[in-house]
């Protein structure tokens, strides 16, 4: 596989990691969206076929049990219509895992969030309609060190006015799962309409690249060739890595490194 071989030759990964990545890639079939996990090495590969954009996304990412982080990973966005890589993101070596301890259960996190939202609920008279809980990895003090954190969304049964906000639809609390400390808490307000599912905060930013400027995507497409995408992606990605490497060297020179 040229992609992984190029990464190995250029010193971006070592031989052991190269074998693990290759093993996961060889486990992928041509059946569409899928995720394969290597529990022994805390690594997974998610392949996502986006038909509306004729795009195939390959994500190798860190995972351990119920925890996962796309930040610590390798991501490739492949345009199946044009046969080239839209984006190549190599952030695996930059992030480290600070803790994987889960000392706060989902039930405890939800209870803590309800207690934090009690004042807003009481003052507005809101009724709790639904509660969502998600366990992700977030940054604490060091930007590149990740820790487990609970994201709790408490959704109300309608729109309420609280303080200066007139469209409060819920309450959001982020709780560190290893220490039990609250990171952030605030109301969730909707502006311009929409459902509560469209307004979820998150600690994992979207990594989907935007379309190039002045370039519109057709609204209707023929079904993309999935097997061809798997076959062509490594070749195109290998070229992208060379470009990425050259730009990195140029940037280093400009910074005087």
C-alpha atoms as a PDB file:
ATOM      1  CA  UNK A   1       0.000   0.000   0.000  1.00  0.00           C
ATOM      2  CA  UNK A   2       1.703   3.165  -1.268  1.00  0.00           C
ATOM      3  CA  UNK A   3       0.126   5.499   1.278  1.00  0.00           C
ATOM      4  CA  UNK A   4       1.487   3.660   4.293  1.00  0.00           C
ATOM      5  CA  UNK A   5       4.797   2.903   2.609  1.00  0.00           C
ATOM      6  CA  UNK A   6       5.318   6.609   1.861  1.00  0.00           C
ATOM      7  CA  UNK A   7       4.590   7.519   5.470  1.00  0.00           C
ATOM      8  CA  UNK A   8       7.113   4.916   6.623  1.00  0.00           C
ATOM      9  CA  UNK A   9       9.838   5.996   4.194  1.00  0.00           C
ATOM     10  CA  UNK A  10       9.409   9.669   5.089  1.00  0.00           C
ATOM     11  CA  UNK A  11       9.706   8.903   8.805  1.00  0.00           C
ATOM     12  CA  UNK A  12       6.143   9.939   9.649  1.00  0.00           C
ATOM     13  CA  UNK A  13       5.462   6.548  11.255  1.00  0.00           C
ATOM     14  CA  UNK A  14       7.634   3.655  12.466  1.00  0.00           C
ATOM     15  CA  UNK A  15       7.554   0.096  11.175  1.00  0.00           C
ATOM     16  CA  UNK A  16       5.366  -1.215  14.007  1.00  0.00           C
ATOM     17  CA  UNK A  17       2.705   1.443  13.509  1.00  0.00           C
ATOM     18  CA  UNK A  18       2.944   0.897   9.758  1.00  0.00           C
ATOM     19  CA  UNK A  19       1.989  -2.762  10.174  1.00  0.00           C
ATOM     20  CA  UNK A  20      -0.953  -1.912  12.436  1.00  0.00           C
ATOM     21  CA  UNK A  21      -2.337   0.673   9.992  1.00  0.00           C
ATOM     22  CA  UNK A  22      -1.900  -1.707   7.085  1.00  0.00           C
ATOM     23  CA  UNK A  23      -3.645  -4.502   8.955  1.00  0.00           C
ATOM     24  CA  UNK A  24      -6.697  -2.325   9.605  1.00  0.00           C
ATOM     25  CA  UNK A  25      -6.832  -1.169   5.997  1.00  0.00           C
ATOM     26  CA  UNK A  26      -6.698  -4.754   4.755  1.00  0.00           C
ATOM     27  CA  UNK A  27      -9.662  -5.559   7.010  1.00  0.00           C
ATOM     28  CA  UNK A  28     -11.890  -3.107   5.138  1.00  0.00           C
ATOM     29  CA  UNK A  29     -14.329  -4.576   2.635  1.00  0.00           C
ATOM     30  CA  UNK A  30     -16.149  -2.851  -0.235  1.00  0.00           C
ATOM     31  CA  UNK A  31     -19.541  -2.819   1.475  1.00  0.00           C
ATOM     32  CA  UNK A  32     -19.836   0.906   2.224  1.00  0.00           C
ATOM     33  CA  UNK A  33     -19.634   2.585   5.634  1.00  0.00           C
ATOM     34  CA  UNK A  34     -17.805   0.500   8.198  1.00  0.00           C
ATOM     35  CA  UNK A  35     -15.514   0.595  11.225  1.00  0.00           C
ATOM     36  CA  UNK A  36     -12.838  -1.939  12.126  1.00  0.00           C
ATOM     37  CA  UNK A  37     -11.164  -1.892  15.543  1.00  0.00           C
ATOM     38  CA  UNK A  38      -7.816  -3.159  16.803  1.00  0.00           C
ATOM     39  CA  UNK A  39      -8.471  -3.335  20.545  1.00  0.00           C
ATOM     40  CA  UNK A  40      -4.981  -4.569  21.336  1.00  0.00           C
ATOM     41  CA  UNK A  41      -3.359  -1.457  19.898  1.00  0.00           C
ATOM     42  CA  UNK A  42      -6.114   1.089  20.750  1.00  0.00           C
ATOM     43  CA  UNK A  43      -6.664   1.952  17.108  1.00  0.00           C
ATOM     44  CA  UNK A  44      -9.614   1.937  14.726  1.00  0.00           C
ATOM     45  CA  UNK A  45     -10.305   2.689  11.082  1.00  0.00           C
ATOM     46  CA  UNK A  46     -13.612   4.229  10.049  1.00  0.00           C
ATOM     47  CA  UNK A  47     -14.523   4.381   6.380  1.00  0.00           C
ATOM     48  CA  UNK A  48     -17.390   6.695   5.507  1.00  0.00           C
ATOM     49  CA  UNK A  49     -18.969   6.956   2.075  1.00  0.00           C
ATOM     50  CA  UNK A  50     -20.654  10.349   1.550  1.00  0.00           C
ATOM     51  CA  UNK A  51     -22.868   9.862  -1.485  1.00  0.00           C
ATOM     52  CA  UNK A  52     -24.169  13.439  -1.559  1.00  0.00           C
ATOM     53  CA  UNK A  53     -20.593  14.701  -2.002  1.00  0.00           C
ATOM     54  CA  UNK A  54     -19.170  11.709  -3.867  1.00  0.00           C
ATOM     55  CA  UNK A  55     -16.560  11.627  -1.141  1.00  0.00           C
ATOM     56  CA  UNK A  56     -14.906   8.787   0.728  1.00  0.00           C
ATOM     57  CA  UNK A  57     -13.380   9.487   4.158  1.00  0.00           C
ATOM     58  CA  UNK A  58     -10.739   7.252   5.736  1.00  0.00           C
ATOM     59  CA  UNK A  59     -10.156   7.840   9.475  1.00  0.00           C
ATOM     60  CA  UNK A  60      -7.595   6.025  11.552  1.00  0.00           C
ATOM     61  CA  UNK A  61      -8.116   7.160  15.141  1.00  0.00           C
ATOM     62  CA  UNK A  62      -7.278   6.372  18.753  1.00  0.00           C
ATOM     63  CA  UNK A  63      -9.853   4.374  20.698  1.00  0.00           C
ATOM     64  CA  UNK A  64      -9.976   2.507  23.976  1.00  0.00           C
ATOM     65  CA  UNK A  65     -13.152   0.850  25.166  1.00  0.00           C
ATOM     66  CA  UNK A  66     -15.941   3.424  24.895  1.00  0.00           C
ATOM     67  CA  UNK A  67     -13.459   6.279  24.432  1.00  0.00           C
ATOM     68  CA  UNK A  68     -12.312   7.623  21.081  1.00  0.00           C
ATOM     69  CA  UNK A  69     -10.711  10.713  19.602  1.00  0.00           C
ATOM     70  CA  UNK A  70     -10.505  11.748  15.959  1.00  0.00           C
ATOM     71  CA  UNK A  71      -7.968  14.409  16.947  1.00  0.00           C
ATOM     72  CA  UNK A  72      -5.369  11.736  17.583  1.00  0.00           C
ATOM     73  CA  UNK A  73      -5.532  10.165  14.173  1.00  0.00           C
ATOM     74  CA  UNK A  74      -4.938  10.199  10.437  1.00  0.00           C
ATOM     75  CA  UNK A  75      -7.684  11.408   8.108  1.00  0.00           C
ATOM     76  CA  UNK A  76      -7.998  11.282   4.344  1.00  0.00           C
ATOM     77  CA  UNK A  77     -10.772  12.899   2.294  1.00  0.00           C
ATOM     78  CA  UNK A  78     -10.936  11.402  -1.193  1.00  0.00           C
ATOM     79  CA  UNK A  79     -12.976  12.850  -4.084  1.00  0.00           C
ATOM     80  CA  UNK A  80     -14.287   9.836  -5.997  1.00  0.00           C
ATOM     81  CA  UNK A  81     -15.468  11.877  -8.995  1.00  0.00           C
ATOM     82  CA  UNK A  82     -12.108  13.496  -9.706  1.00  0.00           C
ATOM     83  CA  UNK A  83      -9.877  10.810  -8.232  1.00  0.00           C
ATOM     84  CA  UNK A  84      -7.765  12.999  -5.954  1.00  0.00           C
ATOM     85  CA  UNK A  85      -7.304  13.729  -2.257  1.00  0.00           C
ATOM     86  CA  UNK A  86      -9.145  16.813  -0.977  1.00  0.00           C
ATOM     87  CA  UNK A  87      -7.411  16.798   2.405  1.00  0.00           C
ATOM     88  CA  UNK A  88      -4.804  14.821   4.305  1.00  0.00           C
ATOM     89  CA  UNK A  89      -4.690  15.357   8.086  1.00  0.00           C
ATOM     90  CA  UNK A  90      -1.856  13.758  10.049  1.00  0.00           C
ATOM     91  CA  UNK A  91      -2.284  14.642  13.728  1.00  0.00           C
ATOM     92  CA  UNK A  92      -1.620  11.290  15.413  1.00  0.00           C
ATOM     93  CA  UNK A  93       1.838  12.064  16.879  1.00  0.00           C
ATOM     94  CA  UNK A  94       0.897  15.507  18.205  1.00  0.00           C
ATOM     95  CA  UNK A  95      -1.734  14.394  20.708  1.00  0.00           C
ATOM     96  CA  UNK A  96      -1.209  12.244  23.775  1.00  0.00           C
ATOM     97  CA  UNK A  97      -3.693  10.646  26.142  1.00  0.00           C
ATOM     98  CA  UNK A  98      -3.614  12.158  29.628  1.00  0.00           C
ATOM     99  CA  UNK A  99      -6.059   9.749  31.222  1.00  0.00           C
ATOM    100  CA  UNK A 100      -8.539   7.002  30.373  1.00  0.00           C
ATOM    101  CA  UNK A 101     -10.009   6.722  33.874  1.00  0.00           C
ATOM    102  CA  UNK A 102     -13.806   6.893  34.031  1.00  0.00           C
ATOM    103  CA  UNK A 103     -14.579   7.749  37.652  1.00  0.00           C
ATOM    104  CA  UNK A 104     -17.926   9.362  36.876  1.00  0.00           C
ATOM    105  CA  UNK A 105     -20.664   7.153  35.413  1.00  0.00           C
ATOM    106  CA  UNK A 106     -23.193   8.376  32.875  1.00  0.00           C
ATOM    107  CA  UNK A 107     -25.926   8.336  35.531  1.00  0.00           C
ATOM    108  CA  UNK A 108     -23.780  10.405  37.911  1.00  0.00           C
ATOM    109  CA  UNK A 109     -22.907  12.884  35.161  1.00  0.00           C
ATOM    110  CA  UNK A 110     -26.583  13.317  34.248  1.00  0.00           C
ATOM    111  CA  UNK A 111     -27.498  13.886  37.896  1.00  0.00           C
ATOM    112  CA  UNK A 112     -24.776  16.510  38.248  1.00  0.00           C
ATOM    113  CA  UNK A 113     -25.998  18.260  35.111  1.00  0.00           C
ATOM    114  CA  UNK A 114     -29.580  18.288  36.374  1.00  0.00           C
ATOM    115  CA  UNK A 115     -28.428  19.881  39.613  1.00  0.00           C
ATOM    116  CA  UNK A 116     -26.553  22.575  37.665  1.00  0.00           C
ATOM    117  CA  UNK A 117     -29.620  23.246  35.505  1.00  0.00           C
ATOM    118  CA  UNK A 118     -32.012  23.367  38.487  1.00  0.00           C
ATOM    119  CA  UNK A 119     -31.952  27.163  38.802  1.00  0.00           C
ATOM    120  CA  UNK A 120     -32.760  27.702  35.126  1.00  0.00           C
ATOM    121  CA  UNK A 121     -35.501  25.076  35.180  1.00  0.00           C
ATOM    122  CA  UNK A 122     -37.059  26.555  38.317  1.00  0.00           C
ATOM    123  CA  UNK A 123     -36.941  30.161  37.117  1.00  0.00           C
ATOM    124  CA  UNK A 124     -38.285  29.449  33.636  1.00  0.00           C
ATOM    125  CA  UNK A 125     -40.757  26.753  34.615  1.00  0.00           C
ATOM    126  CA  UNK A 126     -39.365  24.509  31.888  1.00  0.00           C
ATOM    127  CA  UNK A 127     -40.005  20.777  31.785  1.00  0.00           C
ATOM    128  CA  UNK A 128     -37.217  18.363  30.847  1.00  0.00           C
ATOM    129  CA  UNK A 129     -38.172  16.654  27.607  1.00  0.00           C
ATOM    130  CA  UNK A 130     -35.018  14.696  26.845  1.00  0.00           C
ATOM    131  CA  UNK A 131     -31.430  14.191  28.001  1.00  0.00           C
ATOM    132  CA  UNK A 132     -28.444  13.264  25.826  1.00  0.00           C
ATOM    133  CA  UNK A 133     -25.089  12.098  27.176  1.00  0.00           C
ATOM    134  CA  UNK A 134     -21.879  11.577  25.230  1.00  0.00           C
ATOM    135  CA  UNK A 135     -18.408  10.543  26.400  1.00  0.00           C
ATOM    136  CA  UNK A 136     -15.582  12.086  24.344  1.00  0.00           C
ATOM    137  CA  UNK A 137     -11.976  13.202  24.763  1.00  0.00           C
ATOM    138  CA  UNK A 138     -11.306  16.869  25.474  1.00  0.00           C
ATOM    139  CA  UNK A 139      -8.376  19.212  26.130  1.00  0.00           C
ATOM    140  CA  UNK A 140      -7.720  20.457  29.631  1.00  0.00           C
ATOM    141  CA  UNK A 141      -4.622  22.609  30.284  1.00  0.00           C
ATOM    142  CA  UNK A 142      -2.185  21.287  27.726  1.00  0.00           C
ATOM    143  CA  UNK A 143      -3.664  21.799  24.241  1.00  0.00           C
ATOM    144  CA  UNK A 144      -2.279  18.484  22.996  1.00  0.00           C
ATOM    145  CA  UNK A 145      -3.223  16.255  25.948  1.00  0.00           C
ATOM    146  CA  UNK A 146      -6.659  14.630  25.954  1.00  0.00           C
ATOM    147  CA  UNK A 147      -8.859  13.547  28.863  1.00  0.00           C
ATOM    148  CA  UNK A 148     -12.282  11.850  29.038  1.00  0.00           C
ATOM    149  CA  UNK A 149     -15.201  14.223  29.418  1.00  0.00           C
ATOM    150  CA  UNK A 150     -18.962  13.827  29.631  1.00  0.00           C
ATOM    151  CA  UNK A 151     -21.103  16.120  27.481  1.00  0.00           C
ATOM    152  CA  UNK A 152     -24.633  16.347  28.850  1.00  0.00           C
ATOM    153  CA  UNK A 153     -27.490  18.102  27.025  1.00  0.00           C
ATOM    154  CA  UNK A 154     -30.728  18.692  28.918  1.00  0.00           C
ATOM    155  CA  UNK A 155     -33.508  19.544  26.462  1.00  0.00           C
ATOM    156  CA  UNK A 156     -36.614  21.460  27.475  1.00  0.00           C
ATOM    157  CA  UNK A 157     -40.150  20.982  26.165  1.00  0.00           C
ATOM    158  CA  UNK A 158     -40.220  24.375  24.488  1.00  0.00           C
ATOM    159  CA  UNK A 159     -38.607  27.818  24.205  1.00  0.00           C
ATOM    160  CA  UNK A 160     -38.109  29.884  27.342  1.00  0.00           C
ATOM    161  CA  UNK A 161     -36.737  33.296  28.289  1.00  0.00           C
ATOM    162  CA  UNK A 162     -33.851  33.342  30.745  1.00  0.00           C
ATOM    163  CA  UNK A 163     -31.847  36.477  31.449  1.00  0.00           C
ATOM    164  CA  UNK A 164     -30.998  38.156  28.163  1.00  0.00           C
ATOM    165  CA  UNK A 165     -31.838  35.077  26.100  1.00  0.00           C
ATOM    166  CA  UNK A 166     -35.336  34.558  24.719  1.00  0.00           C
ATOM    167  CA  UNK A 167     -35.003  31.224  22.928  1.00  0.00           C
ATOM    168  CA  UNK A 168     -33.534  28.937  25.573  1.00  0.00           C
ATOM    169  CA  UNK A 169     -34.266  25.348  24.642  1.00  0.00           C
ATOM    170  CA  UNK A 170     -31.954  23.493  26.993  1.00  0.00           C
ATOM    171  CA  UNK A 171     -28.881  23.366  29.197  1.00  0.00           C
ATOM    172  CA  UNK A 172     -25.410  21.985  28.490  1.00  0.00           C
ATOM    173  CA  UNK A 173     -22.833  20.747  31.002  1.00  0.00           C
ATOM    174  CA  UNK A 174     -19.352  19.336  30.344  1.00  0.00           C
ATOM    175  CA  UNK A 175     -17.917  17.199  33.169  1.00  0.00           C
ATOM    176  CA  UNK A 176     -14.447  15.673  33.344  1.00  0.00           C
ATOM    177  CA  UNK A 177     -15.031  11.930  33.663  1.00  0.00           C
ATOM    178  CA  UNK A 178     -11.770  11.257  35.508  1.00  0.00           C
ATOM    179  CA  UNK A 179     -12.006  13.990  38.183  1.00  0.00           C
ATOM    180  CA  UNK A 180     -15.708  14.852  38.307  1.00  0.00           C
ATOM    181  CA  UNK A 181     -14.975  18.561  37.904  1.00  0.00           C
ATOM    182  CA  UNK A 182     -17.265  20.682  35.749  1.00  0.00           C
ATOM    183  CA  UNK A 183     -15.516  22.198  32.749  1.00  0.00           C
ATOM    184  CA  UNK A 184     -18.319  24.345  31.326  1.00  0.00           C
ATOM    185  CA  UNK A 185     -22.041  24.901  31.820  1.00  0.00           C
ATOM    186  CA  UNK A 186     -24.458  27.178  30.022  1.00  0.00           C
ATOM    187  CA  UNK A 187     -27.900  27.464  28.522  1.00  0.00           C
ATOM    188  CA  UNK A 188     -28.542  26.313  24.966  1.00  0.00           C
ATOM    189  CA  UNK A 189     -30.418  28.881  22.889  1.00  0.00           C
ATOM    190  CA  UNK A 190     -31.752  28.530  19.366  1.00  0.00           C
ATOM    191  CA  UNK A 191     -31.533  31.395  16.895  1.00  0.00           C
ATOM    192  CA  UNK A 192     -33.314  31.234  13.576  1.00  0.00           C
ATOM    193  CA  UNK A 193     -35.308  28.104  14.384  1.00  0.00           C
ATOM    194  CA  UNK A 194     -34.314  24.470  14.114  1.00  0.00           C
ATOM    195  CA  UNK A 195     -34.450  21.496  16.437  1.00  0.00           C
ATOM    196  CA  UNK A 196     -32.292  20.920  19.507  1.00  0.00           C
ATOM    197  CA  UNK A 197     -30.340  18.225  17.648  1.00  0.00           C
ATOM    198  CA  UNK A 198     -28.933  20.940  15.350  1.00  0.00           C
ATOM    199  CA  UNK A 199     -27.464  22.959  18.213  1.00  0.00           C
ATOM    200  CA  UNK A 200     -25.273  20.536  20.134  1.00  0.00           C
ATOM    201  CA  UNK A 201     -21.916  21.890  21.362  1.00  0.00           C
ATOM    202  CA  UNK A 202     -19.017  19.492  20.958  1.00  0.00           C
ATOM    203  CA  UNK A 203     -15.373  19.143  22.016  1.00  0.00           C
ATOM    204  CA  UNK A 204     -14.493  17.278  18.854  1.00  0.00           C
ATOM    205  CA  UNK A 205     -14.493  19.835  15.994  1.00  0.00           C
ATOM    206  CA  UNK A 206     -15.756  18.922  12.577  1.00  0.00           C
ATOM    207  CA  UNK A 207     -12.823  18.024  10.354  1.00  0.00           C
ATOM    208  CA  UNK A 208     -14.739  17.969   7.092  1.00  0.00           C
ATOM    209  CA  UNK A 209     -12.899  20.176   4.587  1.00  0.00           C
ATOM    210  CA  UNK A 210     -14.862  22.862   2.813  1.00  0.00           C
ATOM    211  CA  UNK A 211     -15.286  22.802  -0.933  1.00  0.00           C
ATOM    212  CA  UNK A 212     -12.643  24.828  -2.831  1.00  0.00           C
ATOM    213  CA  UNK A 213     -13.558  28.522  -3.393  1.00  0.00           C
ATOM    214  CA  UNK A 214     -15.752  29.238  -6.446  1.00  0.00           C
ATOM    215  CA  UNK A 215     -16.325  25.542  -6.975  1.00  0.00           C
ATOM    216  CA  UNK A 216     -19.842  24.211  -6.611  1.00  0.00           C
ATOM    217  CA  UNK A 217     -20.703  20.561  -6.233  1.00  0.00           C
ATOM    218  CA  UNK A 218     -23.432  19.127  -8.536  1.00  0.00           C
ATOM    219  CA  UNK A 219     -26.673  18.408  -6.696  1.00  0.00           C
ATOM    220  CA  UNK A 220     -27.148  15.038  -8.371  1.00  0.00           C
ATOM    221  CA  UNK A 221     -24.486  12.466  -9.143  1.00  0.00           C
ATOM    222  CA  UNK A 222     -24.152   8.997 -10.529  1.00  0.00           C
ATOM    223  CA  UNK A 223     -23.449   6.391  -7.830  1.00  0.00           C
ATOM    224  CA  UNK A 224     -19.717   6.555  -6.983  1.00  0.00           C
ATOM    225  CA  UNK A 225     -17.464   3.615  -7.677  1.00  0.00           C
ATOM    226  CA  UNK A 226     -16.698   2.342  -4.151  1.00  0.00           C
ATOM    227  CA  UNK A 227     -14.159  -0.392  -5.102  1.00  0.00           C
ATOM    228  CA  UNK A 228     -12.383   2.084  -7.367  1.00  0.00           C
ATOM    229  CA  UNK A 229     -12.125   4.567  -4.497  1.00  0.00           C
ATOM    230  CA  UNK A 230     -10.359   1.992  -2.337  1.00  0.00           C
ATOM    231  CA  UNK A 231      -8.003   1.190  -5.171  1.00  0.00           C
ATOM    232  CA  UNK A 232      -7.142   4.754  -6.218  1.00  0.00           C
ATOM    233  CA  UNK A 233      -7.049   6.493  -2.846  1.00  0.00           C
ATOM    234  CA  UNK A 234      -3.593   5.249  -1.750  1.00  0.00           C
ATOM    235  CA  UNK A 235      -1.976   6.436  -4.998  1.00  0.00           C
ATOM    236  CA  UNK A 236      -3.511   9.887  -4.755  1.00  0.00           C
ATOM    237  CA  UNK A 237      -2.756  10.109  -1.048  1.00  0.00           C
ATOM    238  CA  UNK A 238       0.908   9.283  -1.652  1.00  0.00           C
ATOM    239  CA  UNK A 239       1.132  12.349  -3.897  1.00  0.00           C
ATOM    240  CA  UNK A 240      -0.619  14.451  -1.269  1.00  0.00           C
ATOM    241  CA  UNK A 241       1.920  13.367   1.357  1.00  0.00           C
ATOM    242  CA  UNK A 242       4.816  14.501  -0.823  1.00  0.00           C
ATOM    243  CA  UNK A 243       3.167  17.899  -1.272  1.00  0.00           C
ATOM    244  CA  UNK A 244       2.476  18.094   2.474  1.00  0.00           C
ATOM    245  CA  UNK A 245       6.113  17.263   3.247  1.00  0.00           C
ATOM    246  CA  UNK A 246       7.476  19.870   0.854  1.00  0.00           C
ATOM    247  CA  UNK A 247       5.226  22.568   2.243  1.00  0.00           C
ATOM    248  CA  UNK A 248       6.252  21.685   5.769  1.00  0.00           C
ATOM    249  CA  UNK A 249       9.927  22.144   4.872  1.00  0.00           C
ATOM    250  CA  UNK A 250       9.165  25.471   3.204  1.00  0.00           C
ATOM    251  CA  UNK A 251       7.244  26.667   6.277  1.00  0.00           C
ATOM    252  CA  UNK A 252      10.129  25.643   8.526  1.00  0.00           C
ATOM    253  CA  UNK A 253      12.571  27.708   6.463  1.00  0.00           C
ATOM    254  CA  UNK A 254      10.330  30.738   6.686  1.00  0.00           C
ATOM    255  CA  UNK A 255      10.201  30.372  10.452  1.00  0.00           C
ATOM    256  CA  UNK A 256      13.958  30.200  10.593  1.00  0.00           C
ATOM    257  CA  UNK A 257      14.078  26.616  11.874  1.00  0.00           C
END
